[in-house]
Amino acid sequence: GLTQKELAERANISQVMVHKLISGKAKESSKLVAIANVLGT
């Protein structure tokens, strides 16, 4: 139920990088663990 902006803020990552990962333009990130924690996975 989060927006891309909210995910970016909670994971301490730029919204641009979140968009790249979700759109498939980026295939990896050092912040993936932080993103997973926010999403409960």
PDB file of all heavy atoms in Angstrom:
ATOM      1  N   GLY A   1       0.793  -1.218   0.000  1.00  0.00           N
ATOM      2  CA  GLY A   1       0.000   0.000   0.000  1.00  0.00           C
ATOM      3  C   GLY A   1       0.827   1.271   0.000  1.00  0.00           C
ATOM      4  O   GLY A   1       0.291   2.376   0.121  1.00  0.00           O
ATOM      5  N   LEU A   2       2.133   1.132  -0.163  1.00  0.00           N
ATOM      6  CA  LEU A   2       3.027   2.285  -0.168  1.00  0.00           C
ATOM      7  C   LEU A   2       3.170   2.853  -1.575  1.00  0.00           C
ATOM      8  O   LEU A   2       2.994   2.142  -2.565  1.00  0.00           O
ATOM      9  CB  LEU A   2       4.413   1.898   0.349  1.00  0.00           C
ATOM     10  CG  LEU A   2       4.516   1.398   1.788  1.00  0.00           C
ATOM     11  CD1 LEU A   2       5.937   0.909   2.063  1.00  0.00           C
ATOM     12  CD2 LEU A   2       4.139   2.501   2.769  1.00  0.00           C
ATOM     13  N   THR A   3       3.511   4.108  -1.647  1.00  0.00           N
ATOM     14  CA  THR A   3       3.862   4.719  -2.926  1.00  0.00           C
ATOM     15  C   THR A   3       5.358   4.547  -3.149  1.00  0.00           C
ATOM     16  O   THR A   3       6.114   4.202  -2.225  1.00  0.00           O
ATOM     17  CB  THR A   3       3.515   6.211  -2.941  1.00  0.00           C
ATOM     18  OG1 THR A   3       4.335   6.882  -1.962  1.00  0.00           O
ATOM     19  CG2 THR A   3       2.057   6.429  -2.619  1.00  0.00           C
ATOM     20  N   GLN A   4       5.808   4.799  -4.357  1.00  0.00           N
ATOM     21  CA  GLN A   4       7.247   4.728  -4.634  1.00  0.00           C
ATOM     22  C   GLN A   4       8.009   5.738  -3.774  1.00  0.00           C
ATOM     23  O   GLN A   4       9.103   5.456  -3.289  1.00  0.00           O
ATOM     24  CB  GLN A   4       7.523   4.983  -6.110  1.00  0.00           C
ATOM     25  CG  GLN A   4       7.047   3.868  -7.033  1.00  0.00           C
ATOM     26  CD  GLN A   4       7.503   4.062  -8.459  1.00  0.00           C
ATOM     27  OE1 GLN A   4       8.472   4.763  -8.736  1.00  0.00           O
ATOM     28  NE2 GLN A   4       6.800   3.421  -9.400  1.00  0.00           N
ATOM     29  N   LYS A   5       7.415   6.898  -3.568  1.00  0.00           N
ATOM     30  CA  LYS A   5       8.067   7.934  -2.755  1.00  0.00           C
ATOM     31  C   LYS A   5       8.208   7.475  -1.310  1.00  0.00           C
ATOM     32  O   LYS A   5       9.267   7.642  -0.685  1.00  0.00           O
ATOM     33  CB  LYS A   5       7.264   9.229  -2.818  1.00  0.00           C
ATOM     34  CG  LYS A   5       7.871  10.359  -2.017  1.00  0.00           C
ATOM     35  CD  LYS A   5       7.024  11.621  -2.118  1.00  0.00           C
ATOM     36  CE  LYS A   5       7.635  12.737  -1.282  1.00  0.00           C
ATOM     37  NZ  LYS A   5       6.820  13.982  -1.350  1.00  0.00           N
ATOM     38  N   GLU A   6       7.141   6.883  -0.775  1.00  0.00           N
ATOM     39  CA  GLU A   6       7.184   6.407   0.617  1.00  0.00           C
ATOM     40  C   GLU A   6       8.186   5.279   0.780  1.00  0.00           C
ATOM     41  O   GLU A   6       8.911   5.214   1.786  1.00  0.00           O
ATOM     42  CB  GLU A   6       5.791   5.953   1.043  1.00  0.00           C
ATOM     43  CG  GLU A   6       4.803   7.105   1.196  1.00  0.00           C
ATOM     44  CD  GLU A   6       3.371   6.619   1.395  1.00  0.00           C
ATOM     45  OE1 GLU A   6       3.058   5.488   0.938  1.00  0.00           O
ATOM     46  OE2 GLU A   6       2.578   7.353   1.988  1.00  0.00           O
ATOM     47  N   LEU A   7       8.259   4.376  -0.197  1.00  0.00           N
ATOM     48  CA  LEU A   7       9.239   3.296  -0.145  1.00  0.00           C
ATOM     49  C   LEU A   7      10.649   3.859  -0.159  1.00  0.00           C
ATOM     50  O   LEU A   7      11.518   3.413   0.594  1.00  0.00           O
ATOM     51  CB  LEU A   7       9.037   2.343  -1.330  1.00  0.00           C
ATOM     52  CG  LEU A   7      10.093   1.234  -1.493  1.00  0.00           C
ATOM     53  CD1 LEU A   7      10.139   0.349  -0.255  1.00  0.00           C
ATOM     54  CD2 LEU A   7       9.812   0.403  -2.745  1.00  0.00           C
ATOM     55  N   ALA A   8      10.876   4.839  -1.001  1.00  0.00           N
ATOM     56  CA  ALA A   8      12.199   5.459  -1.097  1.00  0.00           C
ATOM     57  C   ALA A   8      12.611   6.085   0.223  1.00  0.00           C
ATOM     58  O   ALA A   8      13.745   5.926   0.688  1.00  0.00           O
ATOM     59  CB  ALA A   8      12.211   6.504  -2.213  1.00  0.00           C
ATOM     60  N   GLU A   9      11.699   6.804   0.859  1.00  0.00           N
ATOM     61  CA  GLU A   9      12.007   7.468   2.128  1.00  0.00           C
ATOM     62  C   GLU A   9      12.306   6.463   3.222  1.00  0.00           C
ATOM     63  O   GLU A   9      13.270   6.617   3.985  1.00  0.00           O
ATOM     64  CB  GLU A   9      10.844   8.370   2.542  1.00  0.00           C
ATOM     65  CG  GLU A   9      10.677   9.593   1.652  1.00  0.00           C
ATOM     66  CD  GLU A   9       9.492  10.448   2.065  1.00  0.00           C
ATOM     67  OE1 GLU A   9       8.681   9.984   2.901  1.00  0.00           O
ATOM     68  OE2 GLU A   9       9.374  11.586   1.559  1.00  0.00           O
ATOM     69  N   ARG A  10      11.500   5.417   3.319  1.00  0.00           N
ATOM     70  CA  ARG A  10      11.671   4.437   4.396  1.00  0.00           C
ATOM     71  C   ARG A  10      12.907   3.566   4.199  1.00  0.00           C
ATOM     72  O   ARG A  10      13.515   3.111   5.166  1.00  0.00           O
ATOM     73  CB  ARG A  10      10.428   3.559   4.514  1.00  0.00           C
ATOM     74  CG  ARG A  10       9.175   4.344   4.883  1.00  0.00           C
ATOM     75  CD  ARG A  10       8.004   3.434   5.182  1.00  0.00           C
ATOM     76  NE  ARG A  10       6.787   4.197   5.411  1.00  0.00           N
ATOM     77  CZ  ARG A  10       5.649   3.672   5.837  1.00  0.00           C
ATOM     78  NH1 ARG A  10       5.575   2.360   6.088  1.00  0.00           N
ATOM     79  NH2 ARG A  10       4.582   4.430   6.015  1.00  0.00           N
ATOM     80  N   ALA A  11      13.283   3.348   2.954  1.00  0.00           N
ATOM     81  CA  ALA A  11      14.459   2.528   2.663  1.00  0.00           C
ATOM     82  C   ALA A  11      15.725   3.365   2.544  1.00  0.00           C
ATOM     83  O   ALA A  11      16.804   2.817   2.285  1.00  0.00           O
ATOM     84  CB  ALA A  11      14.240   1.732   1.382  1.00  0.00           C
ATOM     85  N   ASN A  12      15.587   4.695   2.695  1.00  0.00           N
ATOM     86  CA  ASN A  12      16.737   5.605   2.591  1.00  0.00           C
ATOM     87  C   ASN A  12      17.419   5.465   1.235  1.00  0.00           C
ATOM     88  O   ASN A  12      18.628   5.243   1.135  1.00  0.00           O
ATOM     89  CB  ASN A  12      17.731   5.342   3.726  1.00  0.00           C
ATOM     90  CG  ASN A  12      18.786   6.428   3.835  1.00  0.00           C
ATOM     91  OD1 ASN A  12      18.585   7.543   3.341  1.00  0.00           O
ATOM     92  ND2 ASN A  12      19.901   6.109   4.452  1.00  0.00           N
ATOM     93  N   ILE A  13      16.626   5.556   0.181  1.00  0.00           N
ATOM     94  CA  ILE A  13      17.129   5.430  -1.182  1.00  0.00           C
ATOM     95  C   ILE A  13      16.425   6.482  -2.028  1.00  0.00           C
ATOM     96  O   ILE A  13      15.330   6.944  -1.675  1.00  0.00           O
ATOM     97  CB  ILE A  13      16.861   4.000  -1.729  1.00  0.00           C
ATOM     98  CG1 ILE A  13      17.497   3.788  -3.099  1.00  0.00           C
ATOM     99  CG2 ILE A  13      15.383   3.700  -1.775  1.00  0.00           C
ATOM    100  CD1 ILE A  13      17.369   2.354  -3.601  1.00  0.00           C
ATOM    101  N   SER A  14      17.016   6.885  -3.122  1.00  0.00           N
ATOM    102  CA  SER A  14      16.397   7.910  -3.960  1.00  0.00           C
ATOM    103  C   SER A  14      15.164   7.342  -4.669  1.00  0.00           C
ATOM    104  O   SER A  14      15.101   6.159  -5.008  1.00  0.00           O
ATOM    105  CB  SER A  14      17.389   8.438  -4.994  1.00  0.00           C
ATOM    106  OG  SER A  14      17.675   7.453  -5.968  1.00  0.00           O
ATOM    107  N   GLN A  15      14.189   8.216  -4.893  1.00  0.00           N
ATOM    108  CA  GLN A  15      12.983   7.795  -5.601  1.00  0.00           C
ATOM    109  C   GLN A  15      13.305   7.408  -7.042  1.00  0.00           C
ATOM    110  O   GLN A  15      12.646   6.548  -7.626  1.00  0.00           O
ATOM    111  CB  GLN A  15      11.945   8.914  -5.554  1.00  0.00           C
ATOM    112  CG  GLN A  15      10.573   8.498  -6.085  1.00  0.00           C
ATOM    113  CD  GLN A  15       9.537   9.581  -5.905  1.00  0.00           C
ATOM    114  OE1 GLN A  15       9.778  10.568  -5.229  1.00  0.00           O
ATOM    115  NE2 GLN A  15       8.381   9.404  -6.516  1.00  0.00           N
ATOM    116  N   VAL A  16      14.321   8.016  -7.594  1.00  0.00           N
ATOM    117  CA  VAL A  16      14.743   7.684  -8.958  1.00  0.00           C
ATOM    118  C   VAL A  16      15.196   6.228  -9.030  1.00  0.00           C
ATOM    119  O   VAL A  16      14.837   5.489  -9.960  1.00  0.00           O
ATOM    120  CB  VAL A  16      15.883   8.619  -9.423  1.00  0.00           C
ATOM    121  CG1 VAL A  16      16.440   8.151 -10.765  1.00  0.00           C
ATOM    122  CG2 VAL A  16      15.393  10.043  -9.532  1.00  0.00           C
ATOM    123  N   MET A  17      15.974   5.792  -8.023  1.00  0.00           N
ATOM    124  CA  MET A  17      16.447   4.405  -8.028  1.00  0.00           C
ATOM    125  C   MET A  17      15.288   3.432  -7.841  1.00  0.00           C
ATOM    126  O   MET A  17      15.254   2.359  -8.467  1.00  0.00           O
ATOM    127  CB  MET A  17      17.489   4.207  -6.926  1.00  0.00           C
ATOM    128  CG  MET A  17      18.006   2.765  -6.817  1.00  0.00           C
ATOM    129  SD  MET A  17      18.618   2.083  -8.386  1.00  0.00           S
ATOM    130  CE  MET A  17      20.132   3.045  -8.598  1.00  0.00           C
ATOM    131  N   VAL A  18      14.333   3.786  -6.990  1.00  0.00           N
ATOM    132  CA  VAL A  18      13.162   2.929  -6.802  1.00  0.00           C
ATOM    133  C   VAL A  18      12.426   2.759  -8.126  1.00  0.00           C
ATOM    134  O   VAL A  18      12.038   1.652  -8.503  1.00  0.00           O
ATOM    135  CB  VAL A  18      12.220   3.513  -5.728  1.00  0.00           C
ATOM    136  CG1 VAL A  18      10.884   2.778  -5.716  1.00  0.00           C
ATOM    137  CG2 VAL A  18      12.867   3.435  -4.354  1.00  0.00           C
ATOM    138  N   HIS A  19      12.248   3.860  -8.838  1.00  0.00           N
ATOM    139  CA  HIS A  19      11.560   3.801 -10.129  1.00  0.00           C
ATOM    140  C   HIS A  19      12.329   2.924 -11.119  1.00  0.00           C
ATOM    141  O   HIS A  19      11.727   2.134 -11.854  1.00  0.00           O
ATOM    142  CB  HIS A  19      11.387   5.208 -10.694  1.00  0.00           C
ATOM    143  CG  HIS A  19      10.791   5.230 -12.077  1.00  0.00           C
ATOM    144  ND1 HIS A  19       9.466   4.951 -12.312  1.00  0.00           N
ATOM    145  CD2 HIS A  19      11.374   5.468 -13.299  1.00  0.00           C
ATOM    146  CE1 HIS A  19       9.238   5.013 -13.619  1.00  0.00           C
ATOM    147  NE2 HIS A  19      10.362   5.335 -14.224  1.00  0.00           N
ATOM    148  N   LYS A  20      13.654   3.056 -11.130  1.00  0.00           N
ATOM    149  CA  LYS A  20      14.466   2.245 -12.051  1.00  0.00           C
ATOM    150  C   LYS A  20      14.328   0.762 -11.748  1.00  0.00           C
ATOM    151  O   LYS A  20      14.241  -0.067 -12.661  1.00  0.00           O
ATOM    152  CB  LYS A  20      15.924   2.671 -11.964  1.00  0.00           C
ATOM    153  CG  LYS A  20      16.230   4.020 -12.613  1.00  0.00           C
ATOM    154  CD  LYS A  20      17.719   4.342 -12.535  1.00  0.00           C
ATOM    155  CE  LYS A  20      18.031   5.656 -13.235  1.00  0.00           C
ATOM    156  NZ  LYS A  20      19.478   5.991 -13.153  1.00  0.00           N
ATOM    157  N   LEU A  21      14.322   0.410 -10.453  1.00  0.00           N
ATOM    158  CA  LEU A  21      14.191  -0.999 -10.079  1.00  0.00           C
ATOM    159  C   LEU A  21      12.821  -1.542 -10.438  1.00  0.00           C
ATOM    160  O   LEU A  21      12.697  -2.654 -10.974  1.00  0.00           O
ATOM    161  CB  LEU A  21      14.446  -1.160  -8.578  1.00  0.00           C
ATOM    162  CG  LEU A  21      15.893  -0.965  -8.104  1.00  0.00           C
ATOM    163  CD1 LEU A  21      15.945  -0.869  -6.587  1.00  0.00           C
ATOM    164  CD2 LEU A  21      16.775  -2.121  -8.582  1.00  0.00           C
ATOM    165  N   ILE A  22      11.785  -0.771 -10.174  1.00  0.00           N
ATOM    166  CA  ILE A  22      10.427  -1.231 -10.433  1.00  0.00           C
ATOM    167  C   ILE A  22      10.129  -1.295 -11.931  1.00  0.00           C
ATOM    168  O   ILE A  22       9.388  -2.156 -12.395  1.00  0.00           O
ATOM    169  CB  ILE A  22       9.411  -0.315  -9.715  1.00  0.00           C
ATOM    170  CG1 ILE A  22       9.530  -0.525  -8.206  1.00  0.00           C
ATOM    171  CG2 ILE A  22       7.990  -0.575 -10.182  1.00  0.00           C
ATOM    172  CD1 ILE A  22       8.636   0.358  -7.386  1.00  0.00           C
ATOM    173  N   SER A  23      10.734  -0.408 -12.696  1.00  0.00           N
ATOM    174  CA  SER A  23      10.519  -0.404 -14.141  1.00  0.00           C
ATOM    175  C   SER A  23      11.432  -1.385 -14.871  1.00  0.00           C
ATOM    176  O   SER A  23      11.258  -1.623 -16.059  1.00  0.00           O
ATOM    177  CB  SER A  23      10.759   1.006 -14.693  1.00  0.00           C
ATOM    178  OG  SER A  23      12.115   1.395 -14.506  1.00  0.00           O
ATOM    179  N   GLY A  24      12.396  -1.952 -14.154  1.00  0.00           N
ATOM    180  CA  GLY A  24      13.306  -2.909 -14.768  1.00  0.00           C
ATOM    181  C   GLY A  24      14.527  -2.286 -15.400  1.00  0.00           C
ATOM    182  O   GLY A  24      15.363  -2.990 -15.967  1.00  0.00           O
ATOM    183  N   LYS A  25      14.665  -0.962 -15.306  1.00  0.00           N
ATOM    184  CA  LYS A  25      15.832  -0.292 -15.888  1.00  0.00           C
ATOM    185  C   LYS A  25      17.102  -0.569 -15.081  1.00  0.00           C
ATOM    186  O   LYS A  25      18.209  -0.498 -15.611  1.00  0.00           O
ATOM    187  CB  LYS A  25      15.576   1.210 -15.970  1.00  0.00           C
ATOM    188  CG  LYS A  25      14.461   1.584 -16.940  1.00  0.00           C
ATOM    189  CD  LYS A  25      14.237   3.094 -16.972  1.00  0.00           C
ATOM    190  CE  LYS A  25      13.127   3.463 -17.944  1.00  0.00           C
ATOM    191  NZ  LYS A  25      12.874   4.925 -17.960  1.00  0.00           N
ATOM    192  N   ALA A  26      16.928  -0.865 -13.784  1.00  0.00           N
ATOM    193  CA  ALA A  26      18.056  -1.258 -12.927  1.00  0.00           C
ATOM    194  C   ALA A  26      17.811  -2.688 -12.449  1.00  0.00           C
ATOM    195  O   ALA A  26      16.692  -3.036 -12.054  1.00  0.00           O
ATOM    196  CB  ALA A  26      18.196  -0.316 -11.746  1.00  0.00           C
ATOM    197  N   LYS A  27      18.844  -3.517 -12.493  1.00  0.00           N
ATOM    198  CA  LYS A  27      18.698  -4.932 -12.163  1.00  0.00           C
ATOM    199  C   LYS A  27      19.187  -5.261 -10.764  1.00  0.00           C
ATOM    200  O   LYS A  27      18.944  -6.367 -10.262  1.00  0.00           O
ATOM    201  CB  LYS A  27      19.472  -5.795 -13.173  1.00  0.00           C
ATOM    202  CG  LYS A  27      19.083  -5.543 -14.626  1.00  0.00           C
ATOM    203  CD  LYS A  27      17.636  -5.895 -14.908  1.00  0.00           C
ATOM    204  CE  LYS A  27      17.276  -5.686 -16.379  1.00  0.00           C
ATOM    205  NZ  LYS A  27      15.853  -5.978 -16.637  1.00  0.00           N
ATOM    206  N   GLU A  28      19.871  -4.321 -10.104  1.00  0.00           N
ATOM    207  CA  GLU A  28      20.389  -4.596  -8.767  1.00  0.00           C
ATOM    208  C   GLU A  28      20.619  -3.274  -8.042  1.00  0.00           C
ATOM    209  O   GLU A  28      20.652  -2.200  -8.659  1.00  0.00           O
ATOM    210  CB  GLU A  28      21.700  -5.375  -8.834  1.00  0.00           C
ATOM    211  CG  GLU A  28      22.797  -4.663  -9.599  1.00  0.00           C
ATOM    212  CD  GLU A  28      24.063  -5.477  -9.697  1.00  0.00           C
ATOM    213  OE1 GLU A  28      24.002  -6.687  -9.469  1.00  0.00           O
ATOM    214  OE2 GLU A  28      25.110  -4.884  -9.988  1.00  0.00           O
ATOM    215  N   SER A  29      20.772  -3.367  -6.711  1.00  0.00           N
ATOM    216  CA  SER A  29      21.051  -2.196  -5.890  1.00  0.00           C
ATOM    217  C   SER A  29      21.591  -2.652  -4.547  1.00  0.00           C
ATOM    218  O   SER A  29      21.174  -3.694  -4.016  1.00  0.00           O
ATOM    219  CB  SER A  29      19.778  -1.361  -5.673  1.00  0.00           C
ATOM    220  OG  SER A  29      19.991  -0.364  -4.690  1.00  0.00           O
ATOM    221  N   SER A  30      22.525  -1.882  -3.984  1.00  0.00           N
ATOM    222  CA  SER A  30      23.075  -2.207  -2.664  1.00  0.00           C
ATOM    223  C   SER A  30      22.034  -1.974  -1.569  1.00  0.00           C
ATOM    224  O   SER A  30      22.221  -2.400  -0.433  1.00  0.00           O
ATOM    225  CB  SER A  30      24.312  -1.341  -2.379  1.00  0.00           C
ATOM    226  OG  SER A  30      23.982   0.040  -2.386  1.00  0.00           O
ATOM    227  N   LYS A  31      20.931  -1.304  -1.916  1.00  0.00           N
ATOM    228  CA  LYS A  31      19.876  -1.004  -0.951  1.00  0.00           C
ATOM    229  C   LYS A  31      18.743  -2.029  -0.991  1.00  0.00           C
ATOM    230  O   LYS A  31      17.694  -1.815  -0.389  1.00  0.00           O
ATOM    231  CB  LYS A  31      19.300   0.382  -1.236  1.00  0.00           C
ATOM    232  CG  LYS A  31      20.286   1.524  -1.067  1.00  0.00           C
ATOM    233  CD  LYS A  31      20.605   1.777   0.388  1.00  0.00           C
ATOM    234  CE  LYS A  31      21.439   3.030   0.552  1.00  0.00           C
ATOM    235  NZ  LYS A  31      21.709   3.321   1.978  1.00  0.00           N
ATOM    236  N   LEU A  32      18.961  -3.143  -1.691  1.00  0.00           N
ATOM    237  CA  LEU A  32      17.887  -4.116  -1.877  1.00  0.00           C
ATOM    238  C   LEU A  32      17.430  -4.716  -0.546  1.00  0.00           C
ATOM    239  O   LEU A  32      16.245  -4.992  -0.359  1.00  0.00           O
ATOM    240  CB  LEU A  32      18.342  -5.228  -2.822  1.00  0.00           C
ATOM    241  CG  LEU A  32      17.225  -5.994  -3.546  1.00  0.00           C
ATOM    242  CD1 LEU A  32      16.311  -5.054  -4.302  1.00  0.00           C
ATOM    243  CD2 LEU A  32      17.815  -7.027  -4.488  1.00  0.00           C
ATOM    244  N   VAL A  33      18.374  -4.912   0.378  1.00  0.00           N
ATOM    245  CA  VAL A  33      18.015  -5.455   1.689  1.00  0.00           C
ATOM    246  C   VAL A  33      17.117  -4.480   2.436  1.00  0.00           C
ATOM    247  O   VAL A  33      16.115  -4.868   3.044  1.00  0.00           O
ATOM    248  CB  VAL A  33      19.282  -5.764   2.518  1.00  0.00           C
ATOM    249  CG1 VAL A  33      18.912  -6.134   3.948  1.00  0.00           C
ATOM    250  CG2 VAL A  33      20.065  -6.900   1.886  1.00  0.00           C
ATOM    251  N   ALA A  34      17.465  -3.198   2.372  1.00  0.00           N
ATOM    252  CA  ALA A  34      16.656  -2.180   3.041  1.00  0.00           C
ATOM    253  C   ALA A  34      15.260  -2.110   2.427  1.00  0.00           C
ATOM    254  O   ALA A  34      14.256  -1.965   3.137  1.00  0.00           O
ATOM    255  CB  ALA A  34      17.341  -0.820   2.950  1.00  0.00           C
ATOM    256  N   ILE A  35      15.184  -2.207   1.107  1.00  0.00           N
ATOM    257  CA  ILE A  35      13.894  -2.196   0.418  1.00  0.00           C
ATOM    258  C   ILE A  35      13.053  -3.397   0.856  1.00  0.00           C
ATOM    259  O   ILE A  35      11.864  -3.272   1.142  1.00  0.00           O
ATOM    260  CB  ILE A  35      14.093  -2.215  -1.110  1.00  0.00           C
ATOM    261  CG1 ILE A  35      14.729  -0.893  -1.568  1.00  0.00           C
ATOM    262  CG2 ILE A  35      12.771  -2.444  -1.829  1.00  0.00           C
ATOM    263  CD1 ILE A  35      15.120  -0.889  -3.031  1.00  0.00           C
ATOM    264  N   ALA A  36      13.697  -4.557   0.913  1.00  0.00           N
ATOM    265  CA  ALA A  36      12.992  -5.778   1.314  1.00  0.00           C
ATOM    266  C   ALA A  36      12.459  -5.657   2.738  1.00  0.00           C
ATOM    267  O   ALA A  36      11.336  -6.085   3.034  1.00  0.00           O
ATOM    268  CB  ALA A  36      13.932  -6.984   1.199  1.00  0.00           C
ATOM    269  N   ASN A  37      13.255  -5.064   3.637  1.00  0.00           N
ATOM    270  CA  ASN A  37      12.805  -4.899   5.021  1.00  0.00           C
ATOM    271  C   ASN A  37      11.547  -4.036   5.093  1.00  0.00           C
ATOM    272  O   ASN A  37      10.618  -4.334   5.853  1.00  0.00           O
ATOM    273  CB  ASN A  37      13.921  -4.264   5.863  1.00  0.00           C
ATOM    274  CG  ASN A  37      15.068  -5.224   6.103  1.00  0.00           C
ATOM    275  OD1 ASN A  37      14.908  -6.434   6.016  1.00  0.00           O
ATOM    276  ND2 ASN A  37      16.229  -4.680   6.419  1.00  0.00           N
ATOM    277  N   VAL A  38      11.522  -2.963   4.320  1.00  0.00           N
ATOM    278  CA  VAL A  38      10.355  -2.076   4.311  1.00  0.00           C
ATOM    279  C   VAL A  38       9.124  -2.817   3.792  1.00  0.00           C
ATOM    280  O   VAL A  38       8.011  -2.634   4.294  1.00  0.00           O
ATOM    281  CB  VAL A  38      10.624  -0.828   3.452  1.00  0.00           C
ATOM    282  CG1 VAL A  38       9.362   0.010   3.300  1.00  0.00           C
ATOM    283  CG2 VAL A  38      11.738   0.012   4.059  1.00  0.00           C
ATOM    284  N   LEU A  39       9.317  -3.668   2.801  1.00  0.00           N
ATOM    285  CA  LEU A  39       8.203  -4.388   2.177  1.00  0.00           C
ATOM    286  C   LEU A  39       7.846  -5.675   2.916  1.00  0.00           C
ATOM    287  O   LEU A  39       6.955  -6.407   2.488  1.00  0.00           O
ATOM    288  CB  LEU A  39       8.545  -4.700   0.714  1.00  0.00           C
ATOM    289  CG  LEU A  39       8.723  -3.478  -0.201  1.00  0.00           C
ATOM    290  CD1 LEU A  39       9.143  -3.921  -1.598  1.00  0.00           C
ATOM    291  CD2 LEU A  39       7.441  -2.654  -0.267  1.00  0.00           C
ATOM    292  N   GLY A  40       8.561  -5.963   4.003  1.00  0.00           N
ATOM    293  CA  GLY A  40       8.253  -7.146   4.791  1.00  0.00           C
ATOM    294  C   GLY A  40       8.622  -8.441   4.118  1.00  0.00           C
ATOM    295  O   GLY A  40       7.938  -9.463   4.294  1.00  0.00           O
ATOM    296  N   THR A  41       9.711  -8.428   3.369  1.00  0.00           N
ATOM    297  CA  THR A  41      10.159  -9.630   2.681  1.00  0.00           C
ATOM    298  C   THR A  41      11.675  -9.725   2.761  1.00  0.00           C
ATOM    299  O   THR A  41      12.284  -9.078   3.613  1.00  0.00           O
ATOM    300  CB  THR A  41       9.685  -9.617   1.204  1.00  0.00           C
ATOM    301  OG1 THR A  41      10.055 -10.850   0.578  1.00  0.00           O
ATOM    302  CG2 THR A  41      10.265  -8.437   0.440  1.00  0.00           C
TER     303      THR A  41
END
